[in-house]
N, C-alpha and C. Protein backbone atom coordinates (compact mmCIF):
# COMPACT_ATOMS: atom_id res chain seq x y z
N MET A 1 88.75 129.76 136.94
CA MET A 1 87.56 128.96 137.05
C MET A 1 86.43 129.66 136.28
N LYS A 2 85.64 128.87 135.58
CA LYS A 2 84.50 129.39 134.83
C LYS A 2 83.21 128.90 135.47
N VAL A 3 82.38 129.85 135.89
CA VAL A 3 81.14 129.53 136.59
C VAL A 3 79.96 130.02 135.74
N LEU A 4 79.08 129.11 135.40
CA LEU A 4 77.87 129.42 134.64
C LEU A 4 76.71 129.51 135.62
N VAL A 5 76.02 130.64 135.64
CA VAL A 5 74.88 130.84 136.54
C VAL A 5 73.62 130.89 135.68
N ALA A 6 72.71 129.96 135.95
CA ALA A 6 71.45 129.91 135.20
C ALA A 6 70.37 130.66 135.96
N THR A 7 69.56 131.42 135.22
CA THR A 7 68.49 132.18 135.86
C THR A 7 67.25 132.23 134.99
N GLU A 8 66.09 132.30 135.69
CA GLU A 8 64.84 132.56 135.01
C GLU A 8 64.05 133.61 135.77
N GLY A 9 64.72 134.28 136.72
CA GLY A 9 64.13 135.41 137.41
C GLY A 9 63.34 135.08 138.66
N SER A 10 63.25 133.82 139.04
CA SER A 10 62.48 133.44 140.23
C SER A 10 63.31 133.65 141.49
N LYS A 11 62.64 133.50 142.64
CA LYS A 11 63.36 133.59 143.91
C LYS A 11 64.36 132.44 144.03
N PHE A 12 64.12 131.34 143.34
CA PHE A 12 65.03 130.20 143.37
C PHE A 12 66.31 130.53 142.59
N SER A 13 66.16 131.18 141.46
CA SER A 13 67.33 131.64 140.70
C SER A 13 68.08 132.71 141.48
N ASN A 14 67.35 133.58 142.16
CA ASN A 14 68.01 134.61 142.97
C ASN A 14 68.82 133.98 144.09
N ALA A 15 68.33 132.89 144.65
CA ALA A 15 69.10 132.18 145.68
C ALA A 15 70.40 131.64 145.10
N ALA A 16 70.35 131.16 143.85
CA ALA A 16 71.56 130.66 143.18
C ALA A 16 72.54 131.80 142.94
N ILE A 17 72.04 132.95 142.54
CA ILE A 17 72.90 134.13 142.33
C ILE A 17 73.53 134.55 143.65
N ASN A 18 72.74 134.57 144.71
CA ASN A 18 73.27 134.95 146.03
C ASN A 18 74.36 133.99 146.48
N LYS A 19 74.14 132.69 146.29
CA LYS A 19 75.14 131.69 146.68
C LYS A 19 76.41 131.86 145.87
N CYS A 20 76.26 132.09 144.59
CA CYS A 20 77.42 132.29 143.70
C CYS A 20 78.23 133.50 144.17
N CYS A 21 77.56 134.60 144.47
CA CYS A 21 78.27 135.80 144.93
C CYS A 21 78.96 135.56 146.27
N ALA A 22 78.30 134.86 147.16
CA ALA A 22 78.90 134.56 148.46
C ALA A 22 80.14 133.68 148.31
N MET A 23 80.06 132.69 147.43
CA MET A 23 81.19 131.77 147.23
C MET A 23 82.38 132.48 146.57
N LEU A 24 82.09 133.43 145.68
CA LEU A 24 83.14 134.06 144.89
C LEU A 24 83.51 135.45 145.40
N ASP A 25 83.07 135.77 146.60
CA ASP A 25 83.26 137.10 147.16
C ASP A 25 84.72 137.54 147.14
N ARG A 26 85.61 136.67 147.46
CA ARG A 26 87.04 137.03 147.53
C ARG A 26 87.84 136.41 146.39
N SER A 27 87.16 135.86 145.45
CA SER A 27 87.82 135.17 144.35
C SER A 27 88.38 136.16 143.33
N THR A 28 89.54 135.82 142.84
CA THR A 28 90.11 136.54 141.71
C THR A 28 90.30 135.52 140.60
N ASP A 29 90.35 135.95 139.41
CA ASP A 29 90.56 135.07 138.27
C ASP A 29 89.41 134.07 138.09
N THR A 30 88.18 134.55 138.28
CA THR A 30 87.00 133.73 138.01
C THR A 30 86.16 134.42 136.96
N ASP A 31 85.74 133.66 135.97
CA ASP A 31 84.83 134.16 134.95
C ASP A 31 83.43 133.67 135.28
N ILE A 32 82.45 134.56 135.16
CA ILE A 32 81.06 134.19 135.38
C ILE A 32 80.28 134.49 134.11
N ARG A 33 79.46 133.54 133.73
CA ARG A 33 78.54 133.76 132.60
C ARG A 33 77.13 133.49 133.10
N ILE A 34 76.25 134.45 132.87
CA ILE A 34 74.84 134.30 133.22
C ILE A 34 74.11 133.82 131.97
N VAL A 35 73.28 132.79 132.12
CA VAL A 35 72.54 132.25 130.99
C VAL A 35 71.06 132.16 131.33
N ALA A 36 70.24 132.47 130.33
CA ALA A 36 68.79 132.30 130.45
C ALA A 36 68.28 131.73 129.15
N ALA A 37 67.19 131.00 129.25
CA ALA A 37 66.58 130.39 128.07
C ALA A 37 65.34 131.18 127.67
N SER A 38 65.23 131.38 126.38
CA SER A 38 64.03 131.97 125.80
C SER A 38 63.27 130.81 125.17
N LYS A 39 62.16 130.44 125.81
CA LYS A 39 61.42 129.28 125.33
C LYS A 39 60.60 129.63 124.08
N PRO A 40 60.81 128.89 123.00
CA PRO A 40 60.03 129.16 121.79
C PRO A 40 58.56 128.79 121.99
N ALA A 41 57.69 129.50 121.31
CA ALA A 41 56.25 129.24 121.42
C ALA A 41 55.93 127.85 120.88
N VAL A 42 54.98 127.20 121.53
CA VAL A 42 54.52 125.89 121.08
C VAL A 42 53.43 126.13 120.04
N VAL A 43 53.64 125.57 118.88
CA VAL A 43 52.69 125.76 117.78
C VAL A 43 51.65 124.64 117.85
N PRO A 44 50.37 125.00 118.02
CA PRO A 44 49.35 123.97 118.09
C PRO A 44 49.13 123.30 116.73
N ALA A 45 48.69 122.07 116.80
CA ALA A 45 48.42 121.32 115.57
C ALA A 45 46.99 121.61 115.08
N GLU A 46 46.70 121.13 113.92
CA GLU A 46 45.35 121.27 113.36
C GLU A 46 44.33 120.79 114.36
N PRO A 47 43.18 121.25 114.48
CA PRO A 47 42.51 122.25 113.65
C PRO A 47 42.69 123.67 114.14
N PHE A 48 43.57 123.87 115.13
CA PHE A 48 43.78 125.21 115.67
C PHE A 48 44.71 125.99 114.76
N ALA A 49 44.37 127.22 114.50
CA ALA A 49 45.20 128.04 113.62
C ALA A 49 45.65 129.29 114.36
N ILE A 50 46.94 129.51 114.34
CA ILE A 50 47.51 130.72 114.91
C ILE A 50 48.43 131.30 113.86
N SER A 51 48.33 132.60 113.68
CA SER A 51 49.12 133.23 112.62
C SER A 51 50.61 133.20 112.95
N ALA A 52 51.40 133.21 111.91
CA ALA A 52 52.85 133.23 112.06
C ALA A 52 53.30 134.50 112.78
N GLU A 53 52.61 135.60 112.56
CA GLU A 53 52.95 136.87 113.22
C GLU A 53 52.75 136.76 114.73
N TYR A 54 51.66 136.07 115.12
CA TYR A 54 51.38 135.91 116.55
C TYR A 54 52.46 135.05 117.22
N ILE A 55 52.84 133.99 116.56
CA ILE A 55 53.89 133.11 117.09
C ILE A 55 55.20 133.87 117.19
N GLN A 56 55.51 134.67 116.18
CA GLN A 56 56.72 135.48 116.20
C GLN A 56 56.68 136.48 117.36
N ALA A 57 55.52 137.08 117.59
CA ALA A 57 55.37 138.03 118.70
C ALA A 57 55.59 137.33 120.04
N LEU A 58 55.07 136.12 120.18
CA LEU A 58 55.28 135.34 121.42
C LEU A 58 56.77 135.05 121.63
N ASP A 59 57.45 134.64 120.56
CA ASP A 59 58.88 134.34 120.65
C ASP A 59 59.68 135.59 121.03
N GLU A 60 59.33 136.73 120.42
CA GLU A 60 60.03 137.98 120.73
C GLU A 60 59.79 138.41 122.18
N ASP A 61 58.56 138.22 122.66
CA ASP A 61 58.25 138.56 124.05
C ASP A 61 59.03 137.67 125.01
N SER A 62 59.12 136.39 124.70
CA SER A 62 59.89 135.46 125.53
C SER A 62 61.36 135.88 125.58
N ARG A 63 61.91 136.26 124.45
CA ARG A 63 63.31 136.70 124.39
C ARG A 63 63.52 137.98 125.20
N ARG A 64 62.59 138.93 125.07
CA ARG A 64 62.71 140.18 125.84
C ARG A 64 62.68 139.90 127.35
N ARG A 65 61.78 139.01 127.77
CA ARG A 65 61.71 138.66 129.19
C ARG A 65 63.00 138.01 129.66
N ALA A 66 63.56 137.11 128.87
CA ALA A 66 64.82 136.45 129.23
C ALA A 66 65.96 137.45 129.30
N GLU A 67 66.00 138.38 128.36
CA GLU A 67 67.05 139.42 128.37
C GLU A 67 66.93 140.32 129.60
N LYS A 68 65.70 140.62 130.00
CA LYS A 68 65.49 141.45 131.20
C LYS A 68 65.96 140.71 132.44
N VAL A 69 65.64 139.42 132.54
CA VAL A 69 66.06 138.60 133.68
C VAL A 69 67.58 138.55 133.77
N VAL A 70 68.23 138.38 132.64
CA VAL A 70 69.70 138.34 132.60
C VAL A 70 70.28 139.69 133.01
N SER A 71 69.67 140.76 132.55
CA SER A 71 70.14 142.09 132.89
C SER A 71 70.04 142.36 134.39
N ILE A 72 68.94 141.96 135.00
CA ILE A 72 68.76 142.13 136.44
C ILE A 72 69.79 141.30 137.21
N ALA A 73 70.02 140.07 136.77
CA ALA A 73 71.03 139.21 137.42
C ALA A 73 72.43 139.83 137.27
N GLU A 74 72.72 140.36 136.10
CA GLU A 74 74.02 140.99 135.88
C GLU A 74 74.21 142.18 136.82
N GLN A 75 73.19 143.00 136.96
CA GLN A 75 73.28 144.16 137.86
C GLN A 75 73.55 143.72 139.30
N GLU A 76 72.86 142.65 139.73
CA GLU A 76 73.03 142.17 141.09
C GLU A 76 74.45 141.62 141.31
N ILE A 77 74.95 140.85 140.36
CA ILE A 77 76.30 140.30 140.51
C ILE A 77 77.32 141.43 140.48
N ARG A 78 77.17 142.38 139.60
CA ARG A 78 78.10 143.52 139.55
C ARG A 78 78.06 144.34 140.85
N ARG A 79 76.87 144.46 141.44
CA ARG A 79 76.74 145.17 142.71
C ARG A 79 77.46 144.42 143.82
N ARG A 80 77.31 143.10 143.84
CA ARG A 80 77.90 142.27 144.90
C ARG A 80 79.38 141.98 144.69
N LEU A 81 79.80 141.94 143.43
CA LEU A 81 81.21 141.67 143.09
C LEU A 81 81.73 142.82 142.21
N PRO A 82 81.97 143.98 142.80
CA PRO A 82 82.30 145.17 142.01
C PRO A 82 83.59 145.06 141.19
N ASP A 83 84.47 144.15 141.53
CA ASP A 83 85.73 144.01 140.80
C ASP A 83 85.64 143.02 139.64
N ILE A 84 84.46 142.52 139.34
CA ILE A 84 84.29 141.48 138.31
C ILE A 84 84.66 141.98 136.91
N GLY A 85 84.38 143.23 136.63
CA GLY A 85 84.76 143.83 135.35
C GLY A 85 84.32 143.03 134.14
N ASN A 86 85.27 142.78 133.23
CA ASN A 86 85.00 142.04 131.99
C ASN A 86 84.89 140.53 132.20
N ASN A 87 85.05 140.08 133.42
CA ASN A 87 84.96 138.64 133.71
C ASN A 87 83.51 138.18 133.87
N LEU A 88 82.56 139.08 133.63
CA LEU A 88 81.15 138.73 133.70
C LEU A 88 80.53 138.94 132.32
N THR A 89 79.96 137.87 131.79
CA THR A 89 79.28 137.94 130.49
C THR A 89 77.88 137.35 130.63
N THR A 90 77.07 137.61 129.62
CA THR A 90 75.69 137.10 129.64
C THR A 90 75.34 136.51 128.29
N THR A 91 74.35 135.63 128.30
CA THR A 91 73.84 135.08 127.05
C THR A 91 72.40 134.65 127.24
N VAL A 92 71.62 134.81 126.17
CA VAL A 92 70.25 134.32 126.12
C VAL A 92 70.16 133.45 124.88
N SER A 93 69.67 132.23 125.06
CA SER A 93 69.53 131.30 123.93
C SER A 93 68.10 130.79 123.88
N SER A 94 67.66 130.45 122.69
CA SER A 94 66.32 129.92 122.49
C SER A 94 66.34 128.41 122.65
N GLY A 95 65.40 127.89 123.44
CA GLY A 95 65.29 126.45 123.61
C GLY A 95 64.79 126.07 124.99
N ALA A 96 64.74 124.77 125.22
CA ALA A 96 64.34 124.25 126.53
C ALA A 96 65.41 124.62 127.55
N PRO A 97 65.02 125.11 128.73
CA PRO A 97 66.00 125.61 129.70
C PRO A 97 67.14 124.65 130.03
N ALA A 98 66.85 123.41 130.34
CA ALA A 98 67.92 122.46 130.70
C ALA A 98 68.90 122.28 129.55
N GLN A 99 68.38 122.16 128.35
CA GLN A 99 69.25 121.97 127.19
C GLN A 99 70.11 123.20 126.93
N VAL A 100 69.51 124.39 127.07
CA VAL A 100 70.26 125.64 126.89
C VAL A 100 71.41 125.71 127.89
N ILE A 101 71.14 125.38 129.14
CA ILE A 101 72.16 125.45 130.19
C ILE A 101 73.29 124.47 129.91
N VAL A 102 72.95 123.24 129.62
CA VAL A 102 73.96 122.21 129.36
C VAL A 102 74.77 122.55 128.11
N ASP A 103 74.10 122.98 127.05
CA ASP A 103 74.80 123.34 125.81
C ASP A 103 75.76 124.50 126.02
N GLU A 104 75.32 125.52 126.75
CA GLU A 104 76.17 126.69 127.01
C GLU A 104 77.37 126.30 127.87
N ALA A 105 77.15 125.46 128.87
CA ALA A 105 78.26 125.02 129.72
C ALA A 105 79.31 124.27 128.91
N GLU A 106 78.83 123.42 128.02
CA GLU A 106 79.74 122.66 127.17
C GLU A 106 80.49 123.56 126.19
N LYS A 107 79.76 124.44 125.53
CA LYS A 107 80.36 125.34 124.53
C LYS A 107 81.36 126.30 125.16
N TRP A 108 81.05 126.83 126.34
CA TRP A 108 81.88 127.81 127.01
C TRP A 108 83.02 127.17 127.80
N GLY A 109 82.89 125.89 128.11
CA GLY A 109 83.91 125.21 128.90
C GLY A 109 83.79 125.49 130.39
N ALA A 110 82.57 125.54 130.88
CA ALA A 110 82.33 125.84 132.30
C ALA A 110 82.92 124.77 133.20
N ASP A 111 83.43 125.22 134.36
CA ASP A 111 83.91 124.30 135.40
C ASP A 111 82.81 123.98 136.40
N LEU A 112 81.84 124.89 136.50
CA LEU A 112 80.76 124.74 137.47
C LEU A 112 79.50 125.42 136.95
N ILE A 113 78.37 124.75 137.14
CA ILE A 113 77.06 125.36 136.84
C ILE A 113 76.38 125.58 138.19
N VAL A 114 75.83 126.78 138.39
CA VAL A 114 75.06 127.09 139.59
C VAL A 114 73.62 127.32 139.15
N VAL A 115 72.71 126.53 139.72
CA VAL A 115 71.31 126.60 139.33
C VAL A 115 70.44 126.49 140.58
N GLY A 116 69.32 127.19 140.57
CA GLY A 116 68.38 127.12 141.69
C GLY A 116 67.45 125.93 141.54
N SER A 117 66.87 125.51 142.66
CA SER A 117 65.92 124.41 142.66
C SER A 117 64.60 124.87 143.26
N HIS A 118 63.52 124.50 142.62
CA HIS A 118 62.20 124.84 143.14
C HIS A 118 61.80 123.95 144.30
N GLY A 119 62.53 122.89 144.54
CA GLY A 119 62.26 122.01 145.67
C GLY A 119 61.05 121.12 145.47
N TYR A 120 60.75 120.78 144.23
CA TYR A 120 59.61 119.92 143.95
C TYR A 120 59.81 118.54 144.54
N GLY A 121 58.73 117.92 144.95
CA GLY A 121 58.74 116.54 145.39
C GLY A 121 58.66 115.61 144.19
N PHE A 122 58.60 114.32 144.47
CA PHE A 122 58.62 113.32 143.41
C PHE A 122 57.50 113.54 142.38
N TRP A 123 56.26 113.70 142.85
CA TRP A 123 55.12 113.80 141.92
C TRP A 123 55.15 115.10 141.14
N GLN A 124 55.54 116.18 141.77
CA GLN A 124 55.64 117.46 141.05
C GLN A 124 56.72 117.38 139.97
N ARG A 125 57.86 116.76 140.30
CA ARG A 125 58.92 116.61 139.29
C ARG A 125 58.45 115.75 138.14
N ALA A 126 57.73 114.67 138.46
CA ALA A 126 57.24 113.76 137.42
C ALA A 126 56.25 114.47 136.51
N LEU A 127 55.43 115.33 137.08
CA LEU A 127 54.41 116.03 136.30
C LEU A 127 54.98 117.25 135.58
N LEU A 128 55.78 118.04 136.27
CA LEU A 128 56.26 119.31 135.73
C LEU A 128 57.66 119.23 135.13
N GLY A 129 58.42 118.22 135.51
CA GLY A 129 59.82 118.15 135.07
C GLY A 129 60.68 118.95 136.03
N SER A 130 61.97 118.80 135.91
CA SER A 130 62.89 119.51 136.77
C SER A 130 64.11 119.91 135.97
N VAL A 131 64.28 121.20 135.81
CA VAL A 131 65.45 121.71 135.08
C VAL A 131 66.72 121.34 135.81
N SER A 132 66.75 121.58 137.12
CA SER A 132 67.99 121.30 137.87
C SER A 132 68.34 119.81 137.81
N ASN A 133 67.35 118.94 137.88
CA ASN A 133 67.59 117.51 137.79
C ASN A 133 68.18 117.14 136.43
N ALA A 134 67.62 117.67 135.37
CA ALA A 134 68.13 117.40 134.03
C ALA A 134 69.55 117.92 133.86
N VAL A 135 69.82 119.11 134.41
CA VAL A 135 71.18 119.68 134.31
C VAL A 135 72.17 118.79 135.05
N VAL A 136 71.82 118.36 136.26
CA VAL A 136 72.70 117.49 137.04
C VAL A 136 73.07 116.24 136.25
N HIS A 137 72.10 115.66 135.57
CA HIS A 137 72.33 114.40 134.88
C HIS A 137 72.98 114.53 133.50
N HIS A 138 73.01 115.73 132.94
CA HIS A 138 73.55 115.87 131.58
C HIS A 138 74.69 116.88 131.47
N ALA A 139 75.03 117.54 132.54
CA ALA A 139 76.06 118.58 132.50
C ALA A 139 77.45 118.00 132.23
N PRO A 140 78.27 118.77 131.52
CA PRO A 140 79.65 118.34 131.25
C PRO A 140 80.62 118.70 132.38
N CYS A 141 80.07 119.25 133.49
CA CYS A 141 80.92 119.69 134.59
C CYS A 141 80.15 119.53 135.90
N SER A 142 80.74 119.98 136.98
CA SER A 142 80.07 119.93 138.29
C SER A 142 78.89 120.89 138.30
N VAL A 143 77.89 120.54 139.12
CA VAL A 143 76.68 121.36 139.23
C VAL A 143 76.39 121.61 140.71
N LEU A 144 76.14 122.85 141.05
CA LEU A 144 75.71 123.21 142.39
C LEU A 144 74.24 123.58 142.31
N VAL A 145 73.40 122.79 142.96
CA VAL A 145 71.97 123.06 143.00
C VAL A 145 71.69 123.77 144.33
N VAL A 146 71.21 124.99 144.23
CA VAL A 146 70.97 125.82 145.41
C VAL A 146 69.50 125.78 145.76
N ARG A 147 69.24 125.40 146.98
CA ARG A 147 67.85 125.41 147.48
C ARG A 147 67.72 126.63 148.36
N GLY A 148 66.90 127.55 147.91
CA GLY A 148 66.74 128.81 148.63
C GLY A 148 65.62 128.77 149.63
N ASN A 149 65.29 129.92 150.17
CA ASN A 149 64.26 130.03 151.19
C ASN A 149 62.87 129.68 150.68
N GLY A 150 62.68 129.62 149.37
CA GLY A 150 61.36 129.34 148.84
C GLY A 150 61.10 127.89 148.55
N ALA A 151 61.94 126.98 149.05
CA ALA A 151 61.77 125.55 148.74
C ALA A 151 60.37 125.09 149.10
N ALA A 152 59.74 124.39 148.19
CA ALA A 152 58.34 123.99 148.33
C ALA A 152 58.10 123.03 149.48
N ASN A 153 59.13 122.28 149.88
CA ASN A 153 58.91 121.31 150.95
C ASN A 153 59.13 121.91 152.33
N GLY A 154 59.36 123.21 152.39
CA GLY A 154 59.44 123.90 153.68
C GLY A 154 60.84 123.98 154.26
N LYS A 155 61.82 123.32 153.69
CA LYS A 155 63.18 123.39 154.19
C LYS A 155 63.81 124.69 153.72
N ASN A 156 64.56 125.31 154.57
CA ASN A 156 65.22 126.56 154.22
C ASN A 156 66.72 126.40 154.38
N ASN A 157 67.45 127.16 153.56
CA ASN A 157 68.91 127.20 153.70
C ASN A 157 69.31 128.38 154.51
């Protein structure tokens, strides 16, 4: 089984990592891939001017943050699943988070995507968007949306 775990370093992503480790605690022959998105800088239109160097620095900073988040998630999964060995891989891709997750799941051939949910209500989702919602609707495989203790509507798992 191939399990793709999406993270952006929040307590909601950590809940997804915890759920994944709990589900796979006794599993053998499971591959896990941790994925994070490095969001490219938004370039403003005229009349605002930002140098190419500044935009490049923003992109590099975003990538470094995503790599750090993936590294922390990898350490946690290795701590919780010490026998995982080479069955745990990581990747950081540039792009919108939902698209990165769906593309990686498709390219890697994932059987399951595990993603955290911020627990937004209707209006918050409409205003802010929802990565987990987009992944559910566009994923090439099953998706487990984990609602952790930080759910905005007050419900806890």
